[in-house]
C-alpha atoms as a PDB file:
ATOM      1  CA  MET A   1       0.000   0.000   0.000  1.00  0.00           C
ATOM      2  CA  ALA A   2       1.425   3.365  -1.030  1.00  0.00           C
ATOM      3  CA  ALA A   3       2.392   5.740   1.774  1.00  0.00           C
ATOM      4  CA  VAL A   4       0.405   8.956   2.156  1.00  0.00           C
ATOM      5  CA  MET A   5       2.418  11.912   0.889  1.00  0.00           C
ATOM      6  CA  ARG A   6       3.395  14.625   3.355  1.00  0.00           C
ATOM      7  CA  THR A   7       1.186  17.710   3.527  1.00  0.00           C
ATOM      8  CA  ILE A   8       1.602  21.135   5.074  1.00  0.00           C
ATOM      9  CA  ARG A   9      -1.330  23.142   6.398  1.00  0.00           C
ATOM     10  CA  HIS A  10      -1.532  26.682   5.066  1.00  0.00           C
ATOM     11  CA  PRO A  11      -3.751  29.324   6.697  1.00  0.00           C
ATOM     12  CA  GLY A  12      -6.251  29.808   3.866  1.00  0.00           C
ATOM     13  CA  PRO A  13      -8.627  27.577   1.897  1.00  0.00           C
ATOM     14  CA  ALA A  14      -7.042  25.367  -0.754  1.00  0.00           C
ATOM     15  CA  ALA A  15      -7.667  26.675  -4.262  1.00  0.00           C
ATOM     16  CA  PRO A  16      -9.547  24.191  -6.461  1.00  0.00           C
ATOM     17  CA  ILE A  17      -7.109  24.600  -9.379  1.00  0.00           C
ATOM     18  CA  ARG A  18      -3.604  23.560  -8.338  1.00  0.00           C
ATOM     19  CA  HIS A  19      -1.555  25.328 -11.003  1.00  0.00           C
ATOM     20  CA  ALA A  20      -1.510  28.351 -13.290  1.00  0.00           C
ATOM     21  CA  LYS A  21      -0.040  28.439 -16.778  1.00  0.00           C
ATOM     22  CA  ALA A  22       0.451  30.657 -19.820  1.00  0.00           C
ATOM     23  CA  TRP A  23       2.129  30.153 -23.190  1.00  0.00           C
ATOM     24  CA  GLY A  24       4.557  32.711 -24.554  1.00  0.00           C
ATOM     25  CA  GLU A  25       7.120  33.154 -27.272  1.00  0.00           C
ATOM     26  CA  ALA A  26      10.539  31.858 -26.135  1.00  0.00           C
ATOM     27  CA  VAL A  27      13.408  34.338 -26.516  1.00  0.00           C
ATOM     28  CA  ALA A  28      17.079  33.571 -25.829  1.00  0.00           C
ATOM     29  CA  LEU A  29      18.431  36.088 -23.326  1.00  0.00           C
ATOM     30  CA  ASP A  30      22.018  37.316 -23.063  1.00  0.00           C
ATOM     31  CA  PHE A  31      22.587  40.702 -21.411  1.00  0.00           C
ATOM     32  CA  THR A  32      24.667  42.407 -18.731  1.00  0.00           C
ATOM     33  CA  VAL A  33      23.769  43.942 -15.386  1.00  0.00           C
ATOM     34  CA  ALA A  34      25.983  47.005 -14.932  1.00  0.00           C
ATOM     35  CA  PRO A  35      28.209  47.554 -11.894  1.00  0.00           C
ATOM     36  CA  GLY A  36      26.309  49.422  -9.211  1.00  0.00           C
ATOM     37  CA  GLU A  37      22.881  48.275 -10.443  1.00  0.00           C
ATOM     38  CA  THR A  38      20.686  46.312  -8.108  1.00  0.00           C
ATOM     39  CA  MET A  39      19.981  42.839  -9.409  1.00  0.00           C
ATOM     40  CA  GLU A  40      16.263  43.573  -9.443  1.00  0.00           C
ATOM     41  CA  ALA A  41      16.641  46.716 -11.546  1.00  0.00           C
ATOM     42  CA  GLY A  42      19.246  45.191 -13.862  1.00  0.00           C
ATOM     43  CA  LEU A  43      17.314  42.000 -14.512  1.00  0.00           C
ATOM     44  CA  GLY A  44      14.089  43.912 -15.056  1.00  0.00           C
ATOM     45  CA  ARG A  45      15.847  46.231 -17.491  1.00  0.00           C
ATOM     46  CA  GLY A  46      17.369  43.348 -19.443  1.00  0.00           C
ATOM     47  CA  ILE A  47      14.037  41.520 -19.739  1.00  0.00           C
ATOM     48  CA  ALA A  48      12.303  44.679 -20.966  1.00  0.00           C
ATOM     49  CA  ALA A  49      15.069  45.480 -23.459  1.00  0.00           C
ATOM     50  CA  ALA A  50      14.580  42.038 -25.021  1.00  0.00           C
ATOM     51  CA  GLY A  51      10.913  42.846 -25.513  1.00  0.00           C
ATOM     52  CA  CYS A  52       9.867  40.238 -22.971  1.00  0.00           C
ATOM     53  CA  ASP A  53       7.249  40.199 -20.233  1.00  0.00           C
ATOM     54  CA  ALA A  54       9.021  37.713 -17.952  1.00  0.00           C
ATOM     55  CA  GLY A  55      11.725  35.083 -17.946  1.00  0.00           C
ATOM     56  CA  TYR A  56      14.025  32.661 -16.203  1.00  0.00           C
ATOM     57  CA  VAL A  57      17.696  33.627 -15.910  1.00  0.00           C
ATOM     58  CA  SER A  58      20.936  32.094 -14.670  1.00  0.00           C
ATOM     59  CA  LEU A  59      23.342  34.156 -12.570  1.00  0.00           C
ATOM     60  CA  ALA A  60      26.281  31.746 -12.326  1.00  0.00           C
ATOM     61  CA  GLY A  61      29.551  33.565 -11.680  1.00  0.00           C
ATOM     62  CA  ALA A  62      27.993  36.877 -10.629  1.00  0.00           C
ATOM     63  CA  ARG A  63      30.056  38.939  -8.172  1.00  0.00           C
ATOM     64  CA  LEU A  64      27.926  41.118  -5.934  1.00  0.00           C
ATOM     65  CA  ALA A  65      28.524  43.684  -3.194  1.00  0.00           C
ATOM     66  CA  PRO A  66      26.685  44.422  -1.056  1.00  0.00           C
ATOM     67  CA  PHE A  67      24.850  41.103  -1.001  1.00  0.00           C
ATOM     68  CA  ARG A  68      21.827  40.169   1.095  1.00  0.00           C
ATOM     69  CA  TYR A  69      19.900  36.924   1.448  1.00  0.00           C
ATOM     70  CA  VAL A  70      17.580  34.962   3.712  1.00  0.00           C
ATOM     71  CA  MET A  71      17.008  31.255   4.356  1.00  0.00           C
ATOM     72  CA  PRO A  72      13.824  29.266   4.988  1.00  0.00           C
ATOM     73  CA  ALA A  73      12.493  29.328   8.541  1.00  0.00           C
ATOM     74  CA  GLY A  74       9.492  28.421  10.624  1.00  0.00           C
ATOM     75  CA  SER A  75       6.664  30.904  10.830  1.00  0.00           C
ATOM     76  CA  PRO A  76       6.546  33.091  13.974  1.00  0.00           C
ATOM     77  CA  GLY A  77       2.755  32.718  14.093  1.00  0.00           C
ATOM     78  CA  PRO A  78      -0.328  31.163  12.499  1.00  0.00           C
ATOM     79  CA  SER A  79      -0.498  33.653   9.627  1.00  0.00           C
ATOM     80  CA  HIS A  80       1.864  31.521   7.504  1.00  0.00           C
ATOM     81  CA  ALA A  81       2.992  27.896   7.376  1.00  0.00           C
ATOM     82  CA  ALA A  82       6.639  28.923   6.876  1.00  0.00           C
ATOM     83  CA  TRP A  83       8.653  32.116   6.846  1.00  0.00           C
ATOM     84  CA  TYR A  84      12.145  33.529   6.359  1.00  0.00           C
ATOM     85  CA  SER A  85      15.231  33.799   8.559  1.00  0.00           C
ATOM     86  CA  GLN A  86      16.879  37.039   9.545  1.00  0.00           C
ATOM     87  CA  THR A  87      18.760  38.770   6.726  1.00  0.00           C
ATOM     88  CA  PHE A  88      22.334  37.612   6.163  1.00  0.00           C
ATOM     89  CA  ALA A  89      24.794  40.313   5.061  1.00  0.00           C
ATOM     90  CA  PRO A  90      28.227  38.838   4.226  1.00  0.00           C
ATOM     91  CA  GLU A  91      31.088  41.317   4.126  1.00  0.00           C
ATOM     92  CA  GLY A  92      32.882  42.119   0.884  1.00  0.00           C
ATOM     93  CA  VAL A  93      32.261  40.685  -2.554  1.00  0.00           C
ATOM     94  CA  VAL A  94      30.135  37.557  -2.735  1.00  0.00           C
ATOM     95  CA  THR A  95      30.491  35.184  -5.693  1.00  0.00           C
ATOM     96  CA  VAL A  96      27.372  33.396  -6.906  1.00  0.00           C
ATOM     97  CA  THR A  97      28.384  29.846  -7.826  1.00  0.00           C
ATOM     98  CA  GLU A  98      24.970  29.083  -9.311  1.00  0.00           C
ATOM     99  CA  ALA A  99      21.562  30.716  -9.060  1.00  0.00           C
ATOM    100  CA  GLY A 100      18.305  30.898 -10.946  1.00  0.00           C
ATOM    101  CA  ALA A 101      15.756  33.689 -10.939  1.00  0.00           C
ATOM    102  CA  ILE A 102      12.230  34.181 -12.162  1.00  0.00           C
ATOM    103  CA  VAL A 103      11.826  37.751 -13.392  1.00  0.00           C
ATOM    104  CA  GLY A 104       8.295  39.125 -13.415  1.00  0.00           C
ATOM    105  CA  ARG A 105       6.259  42.075 -12.188  1.00  0.00           C
ATOM    106  CA  ARG A 106       4.829  43.278  -8.897  1.00  0.00           C
ATOM    107  CA  ASP A 107       2.558  46.320  -8.713  1.00  0.00           C
ATOM    108  CA  GLY A 108       3.696  47.395 -12.172  1.00  0.00           C
ATOM    109  CA  ALA A 109       7.435  47.243 -11.425  1.00  0.00           C
ATOM    110  CA  PRO A 110      10.077  44.552 -12.020  1.00  0.00           C
ATOM    111  CA  PHE A 111      10.159  41.862  -9.336  1.00  0.00           C
ATOM    112  CA  VAL A 112      12.681  39.039  -9.014  1.00  0.00           C
ATOM    113  CA  HIS A 113      12.521  35.751  -7.101  1.00  0.00           C
ATOM    114  CA  CYS A 114      15.986  34.144  -6.891  1.00  0.00           C
ATOM    115  CA  HIS A 115      17.393  31.002  -5.227  1.00  0.00           C
ATOM    116  CA  GLY A 116      21.017  29.958  -5.405  1.00  0.00           C
ATOM    117  CA  LEU A 117      24.381  29.170  -3.868  1.00  0.00           C
ATOM    118  CA  TRP A 118      27.055  31.742  -3.066  1.00  0.00           C
ATOM    119  CA  GLN A 119      30.262  32.266  -1.174  1.00  0.00           C
ATOM    120  CA  ALA A 120      31.941  35.245   0.441  1.00  0.00           C
ATOM    121  CA  ALA A 121      35.734  35.402   0.282  1.00  0.00           C
ATOM    122  CA  GLY A 122      37.070  32.906   2.812  1.00  0.00           C
ATOM    123  CA  GLY A 123      33.569  31.910   3.880  1.00  0.00           C
ATOM    124  CA  PRO A 124      31.592  28.683   3.539  1.00  0.00           C
ATOM    125  CA  LEU A 125      29.282  27.869   0.658  1.00  0.00           C
ATOM    126  CA  ALA A 126      25.766  29.016   1.552  1.00  0.00           C
ATOM    127  CA  MET A 127      22.373  28.789  -0.082  1.00  0.00           C
ATOM    128  CA  GLY A 128      19.120  30.652   0.198  1.00  0.00           C
ATOM    129  CA  HIS A 129      16.797  33.288  -1.211  1.00  0.00           C
ATOM    130  CA  MET A 130      18.617  36.321  -2.613  1.00  0.00           C
ATOM    131  CA  LEU A 131      17.205  39.777  -1.870  1.00  0.00           C
ATOM    132  CA  PRO A 132      17.621  41.303  -5.363  1.00  0.00           C
ATOM    133  CA  PRO A 133      16.684  44.910  -4.426  1.00  0.00           C
ATOM    134  CA  ASP A 134      19.502  44.904  -1.851  1.00  0.00           C
ATOM    135  CA  SER A 135      22.166  43.044  -3.859  1.00  0.00           C
ATOM    136  CA  LEU A 136      24.283  45.068  -6.297  1.00  0.00           C
ATOM    137  CA  ALA A 137      26.600  44.062  -9.126  1.00  0.00           C
ATOM    138  CA  ALA A 138      30.217  44.593  -8.051  1.00  0.00           C
ATOM    139  CA  GLU A 139      31.327  44.172 -11.669  1.00  0.00           C
ATOM    140  CA  PRO A 140      29.504  43.453 -14.954  1.00  0.00           C
ATOM    141  CA  VAL A 141      27.236  40.432 -14.510  1.00  0.00           C
ATOM    142  CA  ARG A 142      26.477  38.374 -17.611  1.00  0.00           C
ATOM    143  CA  VAL A 143      22.938  37.021 -17.573  1.00  0.00           C
ATOM    144  CA  THR A 144      21.607  34.245 -19.806  1.00  0.00           C
ATOM    145  CA  GLY A 145      18.244  32.554 -19.884  1.00  0.00           C
ATOM    146  CA  ILE A 146      14.852  32.224 -21.533  1.00  0.00           C
ATOM    147  CA  GLY A 147      12.603  35.236 -21.954  1.00  0.00           C
ATOM    148  CA  LEU A 148       8.858  35.086 -22.462  1.00  0.00           C
ATOM    149  CA  ARG A 149       6.776  37.304 -24.710  1.00  0.00           C
ATOM    150  CA  GLY A 150       3.066  36.993 -24.118  1.00  0.00           C
ATOM    151  CA  ALA A 151       3.367  35.127 -20.812  1.00  0.00           C
ATOM    152  CA  ALA A 152       3.893  36.786 -17.464  1.00  0.00           C
ATOM    153  CA  PHE A 153       4.751  36.031 -13.867  1.00  0.00           C
ATOM    154  CA  GLU A 154       2.626  38.472 -11.853  1.00  0.00           C
ATOM    155  CA  SER A 155       3.000  38.774  -8.092  1.00  0.00           C
ATOM    156  CA  ARG A 156      -0.483  38.304  -6.598  1.00  0.00           C
ATOM    157  CA  GLN A 157      -1.864  37.936  -3.098  1.00  0.00           C
ATOM    158  CA  ASP A 158      -2.501  34.214  -2.577  1.00  0.00           C
ATOM    159  CA  ASP A 159      -5.264  33.461  -0.092  1.00  0.00           C
ATOM    160  CA  GLU A 160      -4.233  29.852   0.443  1.00  0.00           C
ATOM    161  CA  THR A 161      -0.676  30.561   1.635  1.00  0.00           C
ATOM    162  CA  ASN A 162      -1.158  34.234   2.618  1.00  0.00           C
ATOM    163  CA  PHE A 163       1.954  35.125   0.605  1.00  0.00           C
ATOM    164  CA  ARG A 164       2.379  37.381  -2.371  1.00  0.00           C
ATOM    165  CA  LEU A 165       3.336  34.766  -4.983  1.00  0.00           C
ATOM    166  CA  PHE A 166       4.078  34.731  -8.689  1.00  0.00           C
ATOM    167  CA  ALA A 167       1.190  33.464 -10.787  1.00  0.00           C
ATOM    168  CA  ALA A 168       1.727  32.442 -14.406  1.00  0.00           C
ATOM    169  CA  GLU A 169      -0.764  34.241 -16.622  1.00  0.00           C
ATOM    170  CA  PRO A 170      -1.091  35.708 -20.131  1.00  0.00           C
ATOM    171  CA  ALA A 171       0.548  39.105 -20.545  1.00  0.00           C
ATOM    172  CA  ASP A 172      -1.307  42.078 -21.925  1.00  0.00           C
ATOM    173  CA  ARG A 173      -0.271  42.232 -25.576  1.00  0.00           C
ATOM    174  CA  ASP A 174      -1.654  43.970 -28.651  1.00  0.00           C
ATOM    175  CA  LEU A 175      -3.166  42.019 -31.545  1.00  0.00           C
ATOM    176  CA  ASN A 176       0.005  42.198 -33.667  1.00  0.00           C
ATOM    177  CA  ASP A 177       1.982  40.532 -30.889  1.00  0.00           C
ATOM    178  CA  ALA A 178      -0.703  37.854 -30.460  1.00  0.00           C
ATOM    179  CA  ALA A 179      -0.634  37.073 -34.179  1.00  0.00           C
ATOM    180  CA  ARG A 180       3.163  36.843 -34.156  1.00  0.00           C
ATOM    181  CA  GLN A 181       3.060  34.265 -31.335  1.00  0.00           C
ATOM    182  CA  GLU A 182       0.977  31.991 -33.557  1.00  0.00           C
ATOM    183  CA  SER A 183       3.369  32.200 -36.518  1.00  0.00           C
ATOM    184  CA  GLY A 184       5.539  29.208 -35.644  1.00  0.00           C
ATOM    185  CA  THR A 185       8.128  30.907 -33.426  1.00  0.00           C
ATOM    186  CA  PRO A 186       9.471  28.820 -30.514  1.00  0.00           C
ATOM    187  CA  ARG A 187       7.217  28.829 -27.480  1.00  0.00           C
ATOM    188  CA  ALA A 188       7.609  28.135 -23.789  1.00  0.00           C
ATOM    189  CA  LEU A 189       5.170  27.566 -20.959  1.00  0.00           C
ATOM    190  CA  ALA A 190       5.169  29.653 -17.785  1.00  0.00           C
ATOM    191  CA  LEU A 191       3.915  27.433 -14.964  1.00  0.00           C
ATOM    192  CA  THR A 192       3.304  27.884 -11.235  1.00  0.00           C
ATOM    193  CA  LEU A 193       2.355  25.057  -8.857  1.00  0.00           C
ATOM    194  CA  ARG A 194       0.397  25.160  -5.615  1.00  0.00           C
ATOM    195  CA  PRO A 195       1.284  23.267  -2.395  1.00  0.00           C
ATOM    196  CA  ASN A 196       0.790  19.629  -1.404  1.00  0.00           C
ATOM    197  CA  GLN A 197       1.272  17.923  -4.777  1.00  0.00           C
ATOM    198  CA  ASP A 198       4.287  15.985  -5.980  1.00  0.00           C
ATOM    199  CA  VAL A 199       6.273  18.378  -8.138  1.00  0.00           C
ATOM    200  CA  CYS A 200       7.281  15.829 -10.798  1.00  0.00           C
ATOM    201  CA  GLN A 201       3.812  14.383 -11.219  1.00  0.00           C
ATOM    202  CA  ALA A 202       2.188  17.823 -11.259  1.00  0.00           C
ATOM    203  CA  ILE A 203       4.470  18.944 -14.101  1.00  0.00           C
ATOM    204  CA  GLU A 204       3.773  15.716 -15.979  1.00  0.00           C
ATOM    205  CA  VAL A 205       0.007  16.229 -15.806  1.00  0.00           C
ATOM    206  CA  VAL A 206       0.215  19.793 -17.101  1.00  0.00           C
ATOM    207  CA  CYS A 207       2.599  18.829 -19.902  1.00  0.00           C
ATOM    208  CA  ARG A 208       0.423  15.896 -20.948  1.00  0.00           C
ATOM    209  CA  ASN A 209      -2.602  18.173 -21.121  1.00  0.00           C
ATOM    210  CA  GLU A 210      -0.616  20.681 -23.189  1.00  0.00           C
ATOM    211  CA  GLY A 211       0.704  18.047 -25.594  1.00  0.00           C
ATOM    212  CA  ILE A 212       4.329  18.329 -24.402  1.00  0.00           C
ATOM    213  CA  THR A 213       6.273  15.055 -24.320  1.00  0.00           C
ATOM    214  CA  ARG A 214       9.873  16.347 -24.308  1.00  0.00           C
ATOM    215  CA  ALA A 215      11.149  19.565 -22.722  1.00  0.00           C
ATOM    216  CA  ARG A 216      13.735  21.350 -20.637  1.00  0.00           C
ATOM    217  CA  ILE A 217      12.458  22.558 -17.264  1.00  0.00           C
ATOM    218  CA  HIS A 218      13.895  25.641 -15.565  1.00  0.00           C
ATOM    219  CA  GLY A 219      12.872  27.107 -12.244  1.00  0.00           C
ATOM    220  CA  ILE A 220      12.889  27.412  -8.484  1.00  0.00           C
ATOM    221  CA  GLY A 221      10.567  26.439  -5.656  1.00  0.00           C
ATOM    222  CA  SER A 222      10.144  24.944  -2.209  1.00  0.00           C
ATOM    223  CA  LEU A 223       9.568  21.417  -0.937  1.00  0.00           C
ATOM    224  CA  ASN A 224       8.087  19.925   2.220  1.00  0.00           C
ATOM    225  CA  GLU A 225      11.095  17.710   2.915  1.00  0.00           C
ATOM    226  CA  ALA A 226      12.856  16.058  -0.048  1.00  0.00           C
ATOM    227  CA  ARG A 227      13.433  12.478  -1.113  1.00  0.00           C
ATOM    228  CA  PHE A 228      16.114  11.589  -3.633  1.00  0.00           C
ATOM    229  CA  GLU A 229      16.766   8.642  -5.899  1.00  0.00           C
ATOM    230  CA  ASN A 230      20.067   8.266  -4.050  1.00  0.00           C
ATOM    231  CA  GLY A 231      21.383   9.798  -0.850  1.00  0.00           C
ATOM    232  CA  PRO A 232      19.929  10.949   2.469  1.00  0.00           C
ATOM    233  CA  PRO A 233      16.616  12.834   2.599  1.00  0.00           C
ATOM    234  CA  MET A 234      16.270  16.527   3.377  1.00  0.00           C
ATOM    235  CA  PRO A 235      14.129  16.617   6.560  1.00  0.00           C
ATOM    236  CA  SER A 236      13.101  20.290   6.637  1.00  0.00           C
ATOM    237  CA  TYR A 237       9.421  21.116   6.019  1.00  0.00           C
ATOM    238  CA  ALA A 238      10.413  24.475   4.495  1.00  0.00           C
ATOM    239  CA  SER A 239      13.207  24.890   1.969  1.00  0.00           C
ATOM    240  CA  GLU A 240      14.586  26.901  -0.948  1.00  0.00           C
ATOM    241  CA  LEU A 241      15.301  24.932  -4.117  1.00  0.00           C
ATOM    242  CA  LEU A 242      17.046  25.443  -7.467  1.00  0.00           C
ATOM    243  CA  ILE A 243      16.558  23.111 -10.429  1.00  0.00           C
ATOM    244  CA  ARG A 244      20.012  22.413 -11.813  1.00  0.00           C
ATOM    245  CA  ASP A 245      18.846  20.203 -14.655  1.00  0.00           C
ATOM    246  CA  GLY A 246      15.191  19.555 -15.374  1.00  0.00           C
ATOM    247  CA  ARG A 247      13.942  17.359 -18.207  1.00  0.00           C
ATOM    248  CA  LEU A 248      10.757  15.829 -19.508  1.00  0.00           C
ATOM    249  CA  GLU A 249      11.391  12.713 -21.600  1.00  0.00           C
ATOM    250  CA  ASN A 250       8.574  10.558 -22.940  1.00  0.00           C
ATOM    251  CA  GLY A 251       6.181  12.276 -20.566  1.00  0.00           C
ATOM    252  CA  ARG A 252       8.304  11.590 -17.444  1.00  0.00           C
ATOM    253  CA  VAL A 253       9.965  14.335 -15.397  1.00  0.00           C
ATOM    254  CA  ARG A 254      13.496  14.166 -13.999  1.00  0.00           C
ATOM    255  CA  LEU A 255      14.622  16.996 -11.705  1.00  0.00           C
ATOM    256  CA  ASP A 256      18.248  17.264 -10.583  1.00  0.00           C
ATOM    257  CA  ILE A 257      18.160  19.860  -7.814  1.00  0.00           C
ATOM    258  CA  VAL A 258      20.011  21.544  -4.967  1.00  0.00           C
ATOM    259  CA  VAL A 259      18.057  22.603  -1.883  1.00  0.00           C
ATOM    260  CA  VAL A 260      18.743  24.244   1.466  1.00  0.00           C
ATOM    261  CA  ALA A 261      17.017  23.276   4.709  1.00  0.00           C
ATOM    262  CA  MET A 262      16.071  25.582   7.577  1.00  0.00           C
ATOM    263  CA  ASP A 263      19.320  24.821   9.422  1.00  0.00           C
ATOM    264  CA  GLY A 264      21.426  25.792   6.394  1.00  0.00           C
ATOM    265  CA  ALA A 265      22.306  22.221   5.370  1.00  0.00           C
ATOM    266  CA  ILE A 266      22.518  21.810   1.599  1.00  0.00           C
ATOM    267  CA  PHE A 267      21.247  18.692  -0.170  1.00  0.00           C
ATOM    268  CA  GLU A 268      21.468  17.742  -3.826  1.00  0.00           C
ATOM    269  CA  GLY A 269      20.438  15.000  -6.204  1.00  0.00           C
ATOM    270  CA  VAL A 270      17.667  13.724  -8.456  1.00  0.00           C
ATOM    271  CA  LEU A 271      14.237  13.895  -6.857  1.00  0.00           C
ATOM    272  CA  ALA A 272      12.360  10.651  -6.321  1.00  0.00           C
ATOM    273  CA  ARG A 273       9.215  10.880  -8.428  1.00  0.00           C
ATOM    274  CA  GLY A 274       6.003  10.722  -6.376  1.00  0.00           C
ATOM    275  CA  ASP A 275       7.418  11.689  -2.964  1.00  0.00           C
ATOM    276  CA  ASN A 276       8.246  15.394  -3.119  1.00  0.00           C
ATOM    277  CA  PRO A 277       5.319  17.677  -2.257  1.00  0.00           C
ATOM    278  CA  VAL A 278       5.440  21.393  -2.975  1.00  0.00           C
ATOM    279  CA  CYS A 279       5.679  23.413   0.245  1.00  0.00           C
ATOM    280  CA  VAL A 280       4.641  26.919  -0.895  1.00  0.00           C
ATOM    281  CA  THR A 281       5.186  27.289  -4.655  1.00  0.00           C
ATOM    282  CA  PHE A 282       7.144  26.284  -7.740  1.00  0.00           C
ATOM    283  CA  GLU A 283       7.794  28.757 -10.559  1.00  0.00           C
ATOM    284  CA  LEU A 284       8.817  27.135 -13.817  1.00  0.00           C
ATOM    285  CA  VAL A 285       9.574  27.797 -17.459  1.00  0.00           C
ATOM    286  CA  VAL A 286       9.004  24.678 -19.583  1.00  0.00           C
ATOM    287  CA  VAL A 287      10.667  24.789 -22.998  1.00  0.00           C
ATOM    288  CA  PRO A 288       9.417  22.066 -25.374  1.00  0.00           C
ATOM    289  CA  GLU A 289      12.001  20.255 -27.516  1.00  0.00           C
ATOM    290  CA  GLY A 290      11.527  18.314 -30.724  1.00  0.00           C
END
């Protein structure tokens, strides 16, 4: 008999639809955040300059100062199921070894949600949730990724979790843009997932319904504990996660991830399909192949 998957109780009523999605034109991104720019402003500027509404970007190798981040933590009260730690402020230049960010909008302005690993000079490797408005480029930062035209990540109040969360939704576009998206240009799917469903199986269901059988999967999210195909489990009920390599092959999802627990311990590996429930959210860009 199959074990019952872990669940986490959020303060609000569970929404009947457990994901949100929107198709957009896929645009290869390659731009630079200038020294002295905040990561939020620089990433928002680069997305807009590419004519995109949103995107997923990689920040590997970025050198930032000042740099600010938080880690997952328990909630101080019943208003949320999980929360954030105090702000960490390493001294000097911090080097991002790998990080991924969803770039979208909040109240009409650029908004960035970023998880990754980083290291201050002489310090240990750490992982968490970057604070992009408070983290500045110490030198030019090359940014690559996938932009979306016609699909957006909009920060909305979410009654279930009581957080402001990104929701994937169609972007406001004029009729000429809409016609261009149907002309055979490459497309990608913006996707957000709600709590208490296995992340791999949830992606598989959406992709099957959208006719996607092979794809690359980019994104970040949080898990209620983590179980891997090999290696010890991550026992924390709140976490911050980065997908290092995500693939859909023949309708089956494989996610190679790195994740930080509430005590700062870092875990990595391929997630065991069927035993990894979303804690708060997943924000994904699915790029079909073939």
